[in-house]
PDB file of N, CA and C in Angstrom:
ATOM      1  N   MET A   1      71.958 127.471 106.967  1.00  0.00           N
ATOM      2  CA  MET A   1      73.639 127.354 107.957  1.00  0.00           C
ATOM      3  C   MET A   1      74.846 127.818 106.913  1.00  0.00           C
ATOM      4  N   SER A   2      75.473 128.858 106.468  1.00  0.00           N
ATOM      5  CA  SER A   2      76.375 128.908 106.112  1.00  0.00           C
ATOM      6  C   SER A   2      78.104 128.616 105.813  1.00  0.00           C
ATOM      7  N   LYS A   3      77.985 128.598 104.825  1.00  0.00           N
ATOM      8  CA  LYS A   3      79.659 127.401 104.445  1.00  0.00           C
ATOM      9  C   LYS A   3      80.947 128.412 104.926  1.00  0.00           C
ATOM     10  N   THR A   4      81.805 127.510 105.619  1.00  0.00           N
ATOM     11  CA  THR A   4      82.467 128.860 105.919  1.00  0.00           C
ATOM     12  C   THR A   4      83.651 128.388 105.306  1.00  0.00           C
ATOM     13  N   VAL A   5      84.364 129.392 104.782  1.00  0.00           N
ATOM     14  CA  VAL A   5      85.800 129.175 104.194  1.00  0.00           C
ATOM     15  C   VAL A   5      86.785 129.894 104.459  1.00  0.00           C
ATOM     16  N   GLN A   6      87.851 129.477 105.537  1.00  0.00           N
ATOM     17  CA  GLN A   6      88.578 129.874 105.409  1.00  0.00           C
ATOM     18  C   GLN A   6      89.757 130.669 104.825  1.00  0.00           C
ATOM     19  N   ILE A   7      91.199 131.317 105.296  1.00  0.00           N
ATOM     20  CA  ILE A   7      92.151 131.426 103.933  1.00  0.00           C
ATOM     21  C   ILE A   7      93.700 130.781 105.099  1.00  0.00           C
ATOM     22  N   TYR A   8      94.002 129.739 104.396  1.00  0.00           N
ATOM     23  CA  TYR A   8      95.080 129.432 105.072  1.00  0.00           C
ATOM     24  C   TYR A   8      96.204 129.626 104.012  1.00  0.00           C
ATOM     25  N   SER A   9      97.802 130.297 104.153  1.00  0.00           N
ATOM     26  CA  SER A   9      98.968 130.696 103.713  1.00  0.00           C
ATOM     27  C   SER A   9      97.636 131.102 101.617  1.00  0.00           C
ATOM     28  N   GLY A  10      96.787 132.696 102.527  1.00  0.00           N
ATOM     29  CA  GLY A  10      96.441 132.852 100.638  1.00  0.00           C
ATOM     30  C   GLY A  10      95.694 131.531 100.241  1.00  0.00           C
ATOM     31  N   ILE A  11      95.486 130.729 100.751  1.00  0.00           N
ATOM     32  CA  ILE A  11      94.452 129.842  99.753  1.00  0.00           C
ATOM     33  C   ILE A  11      93.299 129.366 100.529  1.00  0.00           C
ATOM     34  N   PRO A  12      92.039 130.090  99.969  1.00  0.00           N
ATOM     35  CA  PRO A  12      90.957 129.382 100.407  1.00  0.00           C
ATOM     36  C   PRO A  12      90.474 127.849 100.723  1.00  0.00           C
ATOM     37  N   TYR A  13      90.151 127.908 101.906  1.00  0.00           N
ATOM     38  CA  TYR A  13      89.789 125.912 102.316  1.00  0.00           C
ATOM     39  C   TYR A  13      88.930 125.841 103.179  1.00  0.00           C
ATOM     40  N   GLY A  14      88.303 124.760 103.277  1.00  0.00           N
ATOM     41  CA  GLY A  14      87.210 124.492 103.995  1.00  0.00           C
ATOM     42  C   GLY A  14      86.406 123.174 103.597  1.00  0.00           C
ATOM     43  N   PRO A  15      85.793 122.855 104.448  1.00  0.00           N
ATOM     44  CA  PRO A  15      85.207 121.232 104.202  1.00  0.00           C
ATOM     45  C   PRO A  15      84.620 120.287 103.192  1.00  0.00           C
ATOM     46  N   GLU A  16      84.051 121.877 101.971  1.00  0.00           N
ATOM     47  CA  GLU A  16      84.395 120.914 100.527  1.00  0.00           C
ATOM     48  C   GLU A  16      85.142 121.631  99.963  1.00  0.00           C
ATOM     49  N   LEU A  17      86.465 121.787 100.211  1.00  0.00           N
ATOM     50  CA  LEU A  17      86.726 122.396  99.041  1.00  0.00           C
ATOM     51  C   LEU A  17      88.737 122.216  99.115  1.00  0.00           C
ATOM     52  N   PRO A  18      88.943 121.543  98.553  1.00  0.00           N
ATOM     53  CA  PRO A  18      90.057 121.078  97.844  1.00  0.00           C
ATOM     54  C   PRO A  18      91.463 121.842  98.641  1.00  0.00           C
ATOM     55  N   ILE A  19      92.452 121.168  98.854  1.00  0.00           N
ATOM     56  CA  ILE A  19      93.253 121.538  98.924  1.00  0.00           C
ATOM     57  C   ILE A  19      95.167 121.133  97.891  1.00  0.00           C
ATOM     58  N   TYR A  20      94.790 121.102  96.483  1.00  0.00           N
ATOM     59  CA  TYR A  20      95.688 120.287  95.897  1.00  0.00           C
ATOM     60  C   TYR A  20      97.287 120.871  96.217  1.00  0.00           C
ATOM     61  N   HIS A  21      98.196 120.168  95.653  1.00  0.00           N
ATOM     62  CA  HIS A  21      99.334 120.384  95.623  1.00  0.00           C
ATOM     63  C   HIS A  21      99.710 119.713  95.123  1.00  0.00           C
ATOM     64  N   VAL A  22     101.117 119.339  94.609  1.00  0.00           N
ATOM     65  CA  VAL A  22     102.238 118.147  94.341  1.00  0.00           C
ATOM     66  C   VAL A  22     103.722 118.466  94.386  1.00  0.00           C
ATOM     67  N   ALA A  23     104.236 117.423  94.489  1.00  0.00           N
ATOM     68  CA  ALA A  23     105.402 116.846  95.262  1.00  0.00           C
ATOM     69  C   ALA A  23     106.414 117.099  93.863  1.00  0.00           C
ATOM     70  N   ILE A  24     107.418 117.771  94.180  1.00  0.00           N
ATOM     71  CA  ILE A  24     108.067 116.930  92.133  1.00  0.00           C
ATOM     72  C   ILE A  24     109.468 115.813  92.777  1.00  0.00           C
ATOM     73  N   ARG A  25     109.398 114.976  92.354  1.00  0.00           N
ATOM     74  CA  ARG A  25     110.258 114.577  93.775  1.00  0.00           C
ATOM     75  C   ARG A  25     111.587 114.351  92.459  1.00  0.00           C
ATOM     76  N   ALA A  26     112.565 114.276  93.415  1.00  0.00           N
ATOM     77  CA  ALA A  26     114.795 113.599  92.293  1.00  0.00           C
ATOM     78  C   ALA A  26     114.649 112.439  92.378  1.00  0.00           C
ATOM     79  N   ARG A  27     114.892 112.289  91.692  1.00  0.00           N
ATOM     80  CA  ARG A  27     115.364 110.349  91.191  1.00  0.00           C
ATOM     81  C   ARG A  27     115.877 109.617  91.991  1.00  0.00           C
ATOM     82  N   SER A  28     116.320 110.521  93.131  1.00  0.00           N
ATOM     83  CA  SER A  28     116.784 109.967  94.685  1.00  0.00           C
ATOM     84  C   SER A  28     115.564 109.786  95.944  1.00  0.00           C
ATOM     85  N   GLY A  29     114.722 110.393  95.352  1.00  0.00           N
ATOM     86  CA  GLY A  29     113.075 110.063  96.625  1.00  0.00           C
ATOM     87  C   GLY A  29     112.661 111.148  97.088  1.00  0.00           C
ATOM     88  N   ALA A  30     113.800 112.275  97.042  1.00  0.00           N
ATOM     89  CA  ALA A  30     113.624 113.358  98.224  1.00  0.00           C
ATOM     90  C   ALA A  30     113.039 114.527  97.128  1.00  0.00           C
ATOM     91  N   VAL A  31     112.041 115.222  98.233  1.00  0.00           N
ATOM     92  CA  VAL A  31     111.045 116.251  97.691  1.00  0.00           C
ATOM     93  C   VAL A  31     112.140 117.567  96.951  1.00  0.00           C
ATOM     94  N   HIS A  32     112.370 117.805  95.686  1.00  0.00           N
ATOM     95  CA  HIS A  32     112.429 118.796  95.125  1.00  0.00           C
ATOM     96  C   HIS A  32     112.133 119.823  95.396  1.00  0.00           C
ATOM     97  N   ASN A  33     110.407 120.020  95.383  1.00  0.00           N
ATOM     98  CA  ASN A  33     109.907 120.943  95.612  1.00  0.00           C
ATOM     99  C   ASN A  33     108.338 120.448  95.468  1.00  0.00           C
ATOM    100  N   VAL A  34     107.822 121.993  95.568  1.00  0.00           N
ATOM    101  CA  VAL A  34     105.781 121.636  96.070  1.00  0.00           C
ATOM    102  C   VAL A  34     105.542 122.794  95.929  1.00  0.00           C
ATOM    103  N   LEU A  35     104.150 122.634  95.079  1.00  0.00           N
ATOM    104  CA  LEU A  35     103.737 123.691  94.484  1.00  0.00           C
ATOM    105  C   LEU A  35     101.658 123.577  94.860  1.00  0.00           C
ATOM    106  N   HIS A  36     101.852 124.978  94.963  1.00  0.00           N
ATOM    107  CA  HIS A  36     100.322 124.281  95.058  1.00  0.00           C
ATOM    108  C   HIS A  36      99.817 124.754  93.286  1.00  0.00           C
ATOM    109  N   LEU A  37      97.924 123.344  93.390  1.00  0.00           N
ATOM    110  CA  LEU A  37      98.288 123.042  91.857  1.00  0.00           C
ATOM    111  C   LEU A  37      96.012 123.726  92.484  1.00  0.00           C
ATOM    112  N   PRO A  38      95.512 124.637  91.488  1.00  0.00           N
ATOM    113  CA  PRO A  38      94.750 125.807  91.807  1.00  0.00           C
ATOM    114  C   PRO A  38      92.775 123.812  90.976  1.00  0.00           C
ATOM    115  N   ALA A  39      92.443 123.481  91.257  1.00  0.00           N
ATOM    116  CA  ALA A  39      91.626 122.509  90.774  1.00  0.00           C
ATOM    117  C   ALA A  39      90.707 122.839  91.360  1.00  0.00           C
ATOM    118  N   ASP A  40      89.494 121.915  90.775  1.00  0.00           N
ATOM    119  CA  ASP A  40      88.088 122.539  91.530  1.00  0.00           C
ATOM    120  C   ASP A  40      87.701 120.810  92.073  1.00  0.00           C
ATOM    121  N   ASP A  41      88.700 119.168  91.097  1.00  0.00           N
ATOM    122  CA  ASP A  41      88.418 118.348  91.495  1.00  0.00           C
ATOM    123  C   ASP A  41      89.898 117.339  91.155  1.00  0.00           C
ATOM    124  N   ASP A  42      89.665 115.905  91.320  1.00  0.00           N
ATOM    125  CA  ASP A  42      90.480 114.874  91.312  1.00  0.00           C
ATOM    126  C   ASP A  42      90.905 114.871  90.054  1.00  0.00           C
ATOM    127  N   GLU A  43      90.210 115.098  89.084  1.00  0.00           N
ATOM    128  CA  GLU A  43      90.668 114.708  87.698  1.00  0.00           C
ATOM    129  C   GLU A  43      90.742 115.450  86.946  1.00  0.00           C
ATOM    130  N   GLN A  44      90.730 116.930  87.678  1.00  0.00           N
ATOM    131  CA  GLN A  44      91.069 118.423  87.045  1.00  0.00           C
ATOM    132  C   GLN A  44      92.672 118.941  87.518  1.00  0.00           C
ATOM    133  N   ALA A  45      93.248 118.719  88.459  1.00  0.00           N
ATOM    134  CA  ALA A  45      94.299 118.532  89.387  1.00  0.00           C
ATOM    135  C   ALA A  45      95.263 117.600  88.362  1.00  0.00           C
ATOM    136  N   ARG A  46      94.155 115.686  88.539  1.00  0.00           N
ATOM    137  CA  ARG A  46      95.493 114.582  87.870  1.00  0.00           C
ATOM    138  C   ARG A  46      96.141 115.951  86.661  1.00  0.00           C
ATOM    139  N   GLU A  47      94.954 115.625  85.043  1.00  0.00           N
ATOM    140  CA  GLU A  47      95.495 116.252  84.137  1.00  0.00           C
ATOM    141  C   GLU A  47      96.552 117.007  84.885  1.00  0.00           C
ATOM    142  N   GLN A  48      96.531 118.544  85.215  1.00  0.00           N
ATOM    143  CA  GLN A  48      97.237 119.612  85.475  1.00  0.00           C
ATOM    144  C   GLN A  48      98.527 119.064  86.142  1.00  0.00           C
ATOM    145  N   ALA A  49      98.315 117.864  87.136  1.00  0.00           N
ATOM    146  CA  ALA A  49      99.657 117.377  87.248  1.00  0.00           C
ATOM    147  C   ALA A  49     100.158 116.692  86.314  1.00  0.00           C
ATOM    148  N   ARG A  50     100.228 116.051  85.303  1.00  0.00           N
ATOM    149  CA  ARG A  50     100.361 114.900  84.313  1.00  0.00           C
ATOM    150  C   ARG A  50     101.093 116.265  83.919  1.00  0.00           C
ATOM    151  N   THR A  51     100.646 117.263  83.126  1.00  0.00           N
ATOM    152  CA  THR A  51     101.679 117.850  82.623  1.00  0.00           C
ATOM    153  C   THR A  51     102.790 118.697  82.445  1.00  0.00           C
ATOM    154  N   MET A  52     103.205 118.435  84.330  1.00  0.00           N
ATOM    155  CA  MET A  52     104.103 119.012  85.140  1.00  0.00           C
ATOM    156  C   MET A  52     105.622 117.279  84.906  1.00  0.00           C
ATOM    157  N   VAL A  53     104.627 116.912  84.642  1.00  0.00           N
ATOM    158  CA  VAL A  53     105.759 115.685  84.514  1.00  0.00           C
ATOM    159  C   VAL A  53     107.327 115.126  83.718  1.00  0.00           C
ATOM    160  N   ASP A  54     108.633 115.635  83.791  1.00  0.00           N
ATOM    161  CA  ASP A  54     109.296 115.392  83.159  1.00  0.00           C
ATOM    162  C   ASP A  54     110.447 114.621  84.082  1.00  0.00           C
ATOM    163  N   SER A  55     111.163 114.696  83.758  1.00  0.00           N
ATOM    164  CA  SER A  55     112.449 113.696  84.260  1.00  0.00           C
ATOM    165  C   SER A  55     112.678 113.603  86.376  1.00  0.00           C
ATOM    166  N   HIS A  56     111.035 114.597  86.328  1.00  0.00           N
ATOM    167  CA  HIS A  56     111.196 113.782  87.914  1.00  0.00           C
ATOM    168  C   HIS A  56     109.840 113.181  88.194  1.00  0.00           C
ATOM    169  N   ALA A  57     109.912 112.078  88.954  1.00  0.00           N
ATOM    170  CA  ALA A  57     108.291 111.795  89.606  1.00  0.00           C
ATOM    171  C   ALA A  57     107.226 113.215  90.162  1.00  0.00           C
ATOM    172  N   VAL A  58     106.222 113.516  89.392  1.00  0.00           N
ATOM    173  CA  VAL A  58     105.634 114.194  90.619  1.00  0.00           C
ATOM    174  C   VAL A  58     103.804 113.375  90.991  1.00  0.00           C
ATOM    175  N   GLU A  59     104.022 113.820  92.459  1.00  0.00           N
ATOM    176  CA  GLU A  59     103.002 113.385  93.369  1.00  0.00           C
ATOM    177  C   GLU A  59     101.729 114.769  94.156  1.00  0.00           C
ATOM    178  N   LEU A  60     100.963 113.744  93.587  1.00  0.00           N
ATOM    179  CA  LEU A  60      99.664 114.858  93.827  1.00  0.00           C
ATOM    180  C   LEU A  60      98.776 114.193  94.754  1.00  0.00           C
ATOM    181  N   TRP A  61      98.265 115.585  95.804  1.00  0.00           N
ATOM    182  CA  TRP A  61      97.780 115.550  97.237  1.00  0.00           C
ATOM    183  C   TRP A  61      97.083 116.030  97.452  1.00  0.00           C
ATOM    184  N   ASP A  62      95.675 116.180  97.933  1.00  0.00           N
ATOM    185  CA  ASP A  62      95.052 116.964  98.547  1.00  0.00           C
ATOM    186  C   ASP A  62      94.700 117.120  99.818  1.00  0.00           C
ATOM    187  N   GLY A  63      95.440 117.790 100.776  1.00  0.00           N
ATOM    188  CA  GLY A  63      95.792 117.480 102.582  1.00  0.00           C
ATOM    189  C   GLY A  63      96.671 116.874 101.930  1.00  0.00           C
ATOM    190  N   LEU A  64      96.276 115.688 103.442  1.00  0.00           N
ATOM    191  CA  LEU A  64      97.115 114.564 103.665  1.00  0.00           C
ATOM    192  C   LEU A  64      96.425 113.838 102.808  1.00  0.00           C
ATOM    193  N   ARG A  65      95.806 113.720 102.076  1.00  0.00           N
ATOM    194  CA  ARG A  65      94.917 112.651 100.801  1.00  0.00           C
ATOM    195  C   ARG A  65      95.839 112.623 100.024  1.00  0.00           C
ATOM    196  N   PHE A  66      96.691 111.514  99.213  1.00  0.00           N
ATOM    197  CA  PHE A  66      97.148 111.328  98.181  1.00  0.00           C
ATOM    198  C   PHE A  66      96.303 110.791  97.408  1.00  0.00           C
ATOM    199  N   VAL A  67      96.554 111.116  96.554  1.00  0.00           N
ATOM    200  CA  VAL A  67      95.446 111.378  95.093  1.00  0.00           C
ATOM    201  C   VAL A  67      96.265 110.790  94.560  1.00  0.00           C
ATOM    202  N   ASP A  68      97.401 111.091  93.488  1.00  0.00           N
ATOM    203  CA  ASP A  68      98.007 109.966  92.353  1.00  0.00           C
ATOM    204  C   ASP A  68      99.027 109.853  92.061  1.00  0.00           C
ATOM    205  N   ARG A  69      99.748 109.326  91.636  1.00  0.00           N
ATOM    206  CA  ARG A  69     102.278 109.700  91.107  1.00  0.00           C
ATOM    207  C   ARG A  69     101.997 109.421  89.617  1.00  0.00           C
ATOM    208  N   PHE A  70     102.997 110.268  89.195  1.00  0.00           N
ATOM    209  CA  PHE A  70     103.208 110.266  88.107  1.00  0.00           C
ATOM    210  C   PHE A  70     104.787 109.763  87.864  1.00  0.00           C
ATOM    211  N   ALA A  71     105.022 108.765  87.166  1.00  0.00           N
ATOM    212  CA  ALA A  71     106.538 108.363  86.686  1.00  0.00           C
ATOM    213  C   ALA A  71     106.954 109.249  86.144  1.00  0.00           C
ATOM    214  N   PRO A  72     108.448 109.367  86.168  1.00  0.00           N
ATOM    215  CA  PRO A  72     109.051 110.409  85.281  1.00  0.00           C
ATOM    216  C   PRO A  72     109.292 110.566  83.960  1.00  0.00           C
ATOM    217  N   VAL A  73     109.572 110.804  83.020  1.00  0.00           N
ATOM    218  CA  VAL A  73     109.814 110.612  81.269  1.00  0.00           C
ATOM    219  C   VAL A  73     111.750 109.880  81.479  1.00  0.00           C
ATOM    220  N   ALA A  74     111.016 109.462  80.637  1.00  0.00           N
ATOM    221  CA  ALA A  74     112.794 109.137  80.317  1.00  0.00           C
ATOM    222  C   ALA A  74     113.942 108.614  81.095  1.00  0.00           C
TER     223      ALA A  74
END
């Protein structure tokens, strides 16, 4: 049986492929920006998301699955 990989908005996905994205949150809690995050697994995605933390909180998602949240610095 062959694996099916589909393309959604230019991003490959399928049952075995995660679709990671980060939501950058303003201090008010509103979503400031959402960015696609290319990663192979949760740990790799967490490492990349941690580097994006500054004065805004960063939430890591795999599609609709919440993965982690990183609090803002200072």
